[in-house]
Protein backbone atom coordinates (compact mmCIF):
# COMPACT_ATOMS: atom_id res chain seq x y z
CA MET A 1 -4.22 -16.60 23.03
CA SER A 2 -6.53 -18.00 25.70
CA ARG A 3 -7.85 -21.12 23.98
CA LEU A 4 -10.41 -23.39 25.53
CA CYS A 5 -9.94 -27.13 25.47
CA ASP A 6 -12.89 -29.06 24.06
CA GLU A 7 -14.13 -30.05 27.50
CA ASP A 8 -14.10 -26.47 28.84
CA PHE A 9 -15.61 -25.20 25.58
CA GLU A 10 -18.48 -27.67 25.67
CA ARG A 11 -19.21 -26.73 29.28
CA ALA A 12 -19.15 -22.99 28.52
CA LEU A 13 -21.23 -23.44 25.37
CA ALA A 14 -23.91 -25.43 27.18
CA ARG A 15 -24.16 -22.84 29.95
CA ALA A 16 -24.14 -19.95 27.45
CA ARG A 17 -27.09 -21.51 25.63
CA GLU A 18 -28.94 -21.43 28.95
CA GLY A 19 -28.26 -17.70 29.26
CA ASP A 20 -25.34 -17.83 31.70
CA GLU A 21 -23.57 -14.47 31.36
CA ALA A 22 -20.35 -15.77 32.91
CA ALA A 23 -20.21 -18.53 30.29
CA TRP A 24 -20.73 -15.97 27.52
CA ALA A 25 -17.85 -13.95 28.98
CA VAL A 26 -15.62 -17.02 28.79
CA LEU A 27 -16.46 -17.60 25.12
CA TYR A 28 -16.07 -13.90 24.32
CA ASP A 29 -12.73 -13.53 26.10
CA SER A 30 -11.32 -16.59 24.35
CA LEU A 31 -11.86 -15.06 20.90
CA ALA A 32 -12.57 -11.31 20.99
CA PRO A 33 -8.94 -10.05 21.01
CA GLN A 34 -8.05 -12.18 17.99
CA VAL A 35 -11.21 -11.25 16.07
CA LEU A 36 -10.57 -7.57 16.81
CA GLY A 37 -7.00 -7.82 15.53
CA TYR A 38 -8.25 -9.54 12.39
CA LEU A 39 -10.87 -6.84 11.77
CA ARG A 40 -8.28 -4.10 12.22
CA VAL A 41 -5.80 -5.55 9.75
CA LYS A 42 -8.64 -6.14 7.29
CA GLY A 43 -9.33 -2.40 7.41
CA ALA A 44 -12.62 -2.23 9.31
CA ALA A 45 -13.73 1.38 9.69
CA ASP A 46 -14.99 0.71 13.23
CA PRO A 47 -13.48 -2.60 14.42
CA GLU A 48 -15.05 -2.43 17.87
CA GLU A 49 -18.53 -1.92 16.45
CA VAL A 50 -18.09 -4.78 13.98
CA LEU A 51 -16.81 -6.97 16.83
CA GLY A 52 -19.99 -6.30 18.77
CA ASP A 53 -22.03 -7.15 15.69
CA VAL A 54 -20.08 -10.40 15.27
CA PHE A 55 -20.90 -11.62 18.76
CA LEU A 56 -24.51 -10.53 18.42
CA HIS A 57 -24.77 -12.88 15.42
CA VAL A 58 -22.93 -15.57 17.39
CA ALA A 59 -25.51 -15.29 20.17
CA ARG A 60 -28.35 -15.52 17.66
CA GLY A 61 -26.95 -18.60 15.96
CA VAL A 62 -25.30 -20.45 18.82
CA ASP A 63 -28.22 -22.85 19.35
CA ALA A 64 -27.77 -24.18 15.81
CA PHE A 65 -23.99 -24.53 16.07
CA GLU A 66 -22.54 -28.03 16.12
CA GLY A 67 -18.87 -28.78 16.58
CA GLU A 68 -15.83 -28.58 18.83
CA ALA A 69 -13.83 -25.56 19.99
CA SER A 70 -11.80 -25.42 16.76
CA GLN A 71 -14.93 -25.43 14.61
CA PHE A 72 -16.42 -22.72 16.81
CA ARG A 73 -13.38 -20.47 16.23
CA SER A 74 -13.62 -21.01 12.48
CA TRP A 75 -17.36 -20.29 12.56
CA VAL A 76 -16.84 -17.03 14.45
CA PHE A 77 -14.21 -15.86 11.94
CA VAL A 78 -16.55 -16.65 9.04
CA ILE A 79 -19.16 -14.45 10.74
CA ALA A 80 -16.52 -11.74 11.26
CA THR A 81 -15.66 -11.75 7.56
CA SER A 82 -19.33 -11.52 6.63
CA ARG A 83 -19.96 -8.63 9.03
CA LEU A 84 -16.89 -6.84 7.65
CA TYR A 85 -18.34 -7.03 4.14
CA ASP A 86 -21.64 -5.72 5.50
CA GLU A 87 -19.81 -2.73 7.00
CA ARG A 88 -18.12 -1.98 3.68
CA ARG A 89 -21.45 -2.05 1.89
CA ARG A 90 -22.92 0.35 4.46
CA MET A 91 -19.95 2.69 4.11
CA ARG A 92 -20.38 2.82 0.34
CA ARG A 93 -24.04 3.81 0.75
CA LYS A 94 -23.49 6.28 3.60
CA PRO A 95 -23.12 9.96 2.58
CA THR A 96 -20.21 11.78 4.16
CA ASP A 97 -20.89 15.41 5.10
CA PRO A 98 -18.09 17.70 6.34
CA LEU A 99 -18.23 18.61 10.02
CA GLU A 100 -19.06 22.15 11.00
CA ALA A 101 -16.19 24.35 12.15
CA GLY A 102 -15.27 23.64 15.77
CA VAL A 103 -17.21 20.38 16.03
CA GLU A 104 -14.08 18.25 15.60
CA ASP A 105 -12.50 19.84 18.69
CA HIS A 106 -15.21 18.33 20.89
CA LEU A 107 -15.12 14.80 19.51
CA CYS A 108 -11.99 13.53 21.23
CA SER A 109 -9.16 14.60 23.46
CA THR A 110 -5.57 15.31 22.40
CA ALA A 111 -4.51 11.98 23.91
CA ASP A 112 -7.13 10.17 21.81
CA VAL A 113 -5.85 11.85 18.65
CA GLU A 114 -2.22 10.99 19.44
CA ALA A 115 -3.10 7.35 20.13
CA GLU A 116 -5.06 7.14 16.88
CA VAL A 117 -2.16 8.61 14.91
CA GLU A 118 0.20 6.03 16.42
CA ARG A 119 -2.18 3.19 15.56
CA SER A 120 -2.62 4.54 12.03
CA ALA A 121 1.15 4.72 11.51
CA ALA A 122 1.56 1.12 12.62
CA ALA A 123 -1.35 0.02 10.44
CA THR A 124 0.18 1.79 7.45
CA GLU A 125 3.47 -0.08 7.92
CA VAL A 126 1.66 -3.40 8.25
CA GLN A 127 -0.41 -2.72 5.12
CA HIS A 128 2.82 -1.89 3.27
CA LEU A 129 4.29 -5.23 4.32
CA LEU A 130 1.16 -7.15 3.38
CA GLY A 131 1.20 -5.46 -0.03
CA ALA A 132 4.16 -7.69 -0.95
CA LEU A 133 1.96 -10.79 -0.74
CA THR A 134 -0.42 -12.44 -3.16
CA ASP A 135 -4.11 -12.38 -2.27
CA ASP A 136 -3.96 -16.02 -1.11
CA GLN A 137 -0.85 -15.44 0.99
CA ARG A 138 -2.34 -12.34 2.58
CA ALA A 139 -5.55 -14.16 3.50
CA VAL A 140 -3.54 -16.89 5.25
CA VAL A 141 -1.35 -14.37 7.11
CA GLU A 142 -4.34 -12.35 8.28
CA LEU A 143 -5.96 -15.44 9.76
CA LYS A 144 -2.85 -17.09 11.22
CA ILE A 145 -0.91 -14.09 12.54
CA PHE A 146 -3.59 -11.53 13.32
CA GLY A 147 -6.45 -13.97 13.96
CA GLU A 148 -4.06 -16.39 15.69
CA LEU A 149 -5.75 -19.39 14.09
CA THR A 150 -4.06 -22.69 13.36
CA SER A 151 -3.37 -23.84 9.81
CA GLN A 152 -6.29 -26.27 10.10
CA GLU A 153 -8.69 -23.53 11.21
CA ALA A 154 -7.51 -21.20 8.45
CA ALA A 155 -7.95 -24.01 5.93
CA ASP A 156 -11.52 -24.56 7.13
CA ILE A 157 -12.36 -20.88 6.63
CA LEU A 158 -10.63 -20.54 3.25
CA GLY A 159 -11.90 -23.84 1.93
CA LYS A 160 -8.39 -25.03 1.04
CA PRO A 161 -6.37 -28.14 1.94
CA VAL A 162 -4.34 -27.62 5.09
CA GLY A 163 -1.14 -28.52 3.21
CA ALA A 164 -1.78 -25.72 0.73
CA VAL A 165 -2.37 -23.26 3.57
CA LYS A 166 0.91 -24.24 5.23
CA ALA A 167 2.77 -23.83 1.93
CA GLN A 168 1.20 -20.39 1.33
CA TYR A 169 2.11 -19.38 4.87
CA ARG A 170 5.76 -20.39 4.46
CA ARG A 171 6.00 -18.47 1.18
CA ALA A 172 4.29 -15.48 2.77
CA LEU A 173 6.73 -15.42 5.68
CA GLY A 174 9.62 -15.52 3.22
CA ALA A 175 8.19 -12.59 1.27
CA LEU A 176 7.59 -10.62 4.47
CA ARG A 177 11.13 -11.29 5.68
CA ARG A 178 12.58 -10.04 2.40
CA GLN A 179 10.38 -6.96 2.63
CA ILE A 180 11.47 -6.22 6.21
CA ASP A 181 15.16 -6.80 5.50
CA ALA A 182 15.28 -4.83 2.25
CA PRO A 183 16.91 -1.35 2.61
CA THR A 184 14.73 1.57 1.60
CA ALA A 185 15.57 3.69 -1.45
CA GLY A 186 18.74 5.70 -0.94
CA GLU A 187 20.05 3.80 2.06
CA SER A 188 22.58 0.99 2.24
CA ALA A 189 21.79 -2.42 3.60
CA ALA A 190 24.10 -1.69 6.54
CA THR A 191 22.22 1.45 7.59
CA ASP A 192 20.33 1.13 10.85
CA ARG A 193 16.66 1.91 10.56
CA THR A 194 13.57 1.48 12.67
CA VAL A 195 10.64 -0.60 11.48
CA VAL A 196 7.35 -1.46 13.10
CA PRO A 197 7.84 -4.99 14.49
CA PHE A 198 5.74 -7.54 12.64
CA PRO A 199 3.87 -9.96 14.91
CA ALA A 200 5.71 -13.20 15.58
CA PRO A 201 4.27 -16.03 13.48
CA VAL A 202 2.27 -18.70 15.17
CA SER A 203 3.43 -22.29 15.04
CA LEU A 204 2.94 -24.24 11.84
CA ARG A 205 2.30 -27.33 13.91
CA VAL A 206 -1.40 -27.96 14.48
CA PRO A 207 -3.30 -30.71 16.24
CA THR A 208 -4.59 -33.52 14.04
CA ALA A 209 -8.14 -32.77 12.97
CA VAL A 210 -10.56 -33.59 10.19
CA THR A 211 -11.08 -30.76 7.75
CA ARG A 212 -14.74 -30.05 7.17
CA GLY A 213 -15.76 -30.68 3.61
CA SER A 214 -12.80 -33.01 2.95
């Protein structure tokens, strides 16, 4: 992940507040891939659209933001979670009408369909793995592995002590490892099988910081 040190962040933030597009690009590039991955694993119907909505809200609220680079990352992920809930509420209210015959053929190319099927298959495997976790463990994994946040940043978002987050993460990794290593029904443990690789965990070591609200 392309993280900004506090000095570079403060410089980019100050310039972004003045309307500098290059500075906004720096802030966006430092977080967008991780936010997008987080939205996808959380099941956003349109992750790219939600991502755009997230950074629209960031732009609207950036003048009132106070804090360092780590606090900014946590703030952006809080906004992402809020926008995700907004999307789910909209989806529940939105009527779904079947497409007319032949319309689907013009919506996307064969390559688009194949790529979407591949992404869906991978997402299904990941959701199966995450299903072995408790709600608290899953929340920590989503933020640390897919959001690529530190334990301290995840603790800030979840409102939990950083020690508790680290403990949940270690237990979650153990549960995921058992799930990955377990043979499927009808096959022996020695049978070779292909699984979708789970993202490598980020380090449990985080820089010393003061947890907000502590």
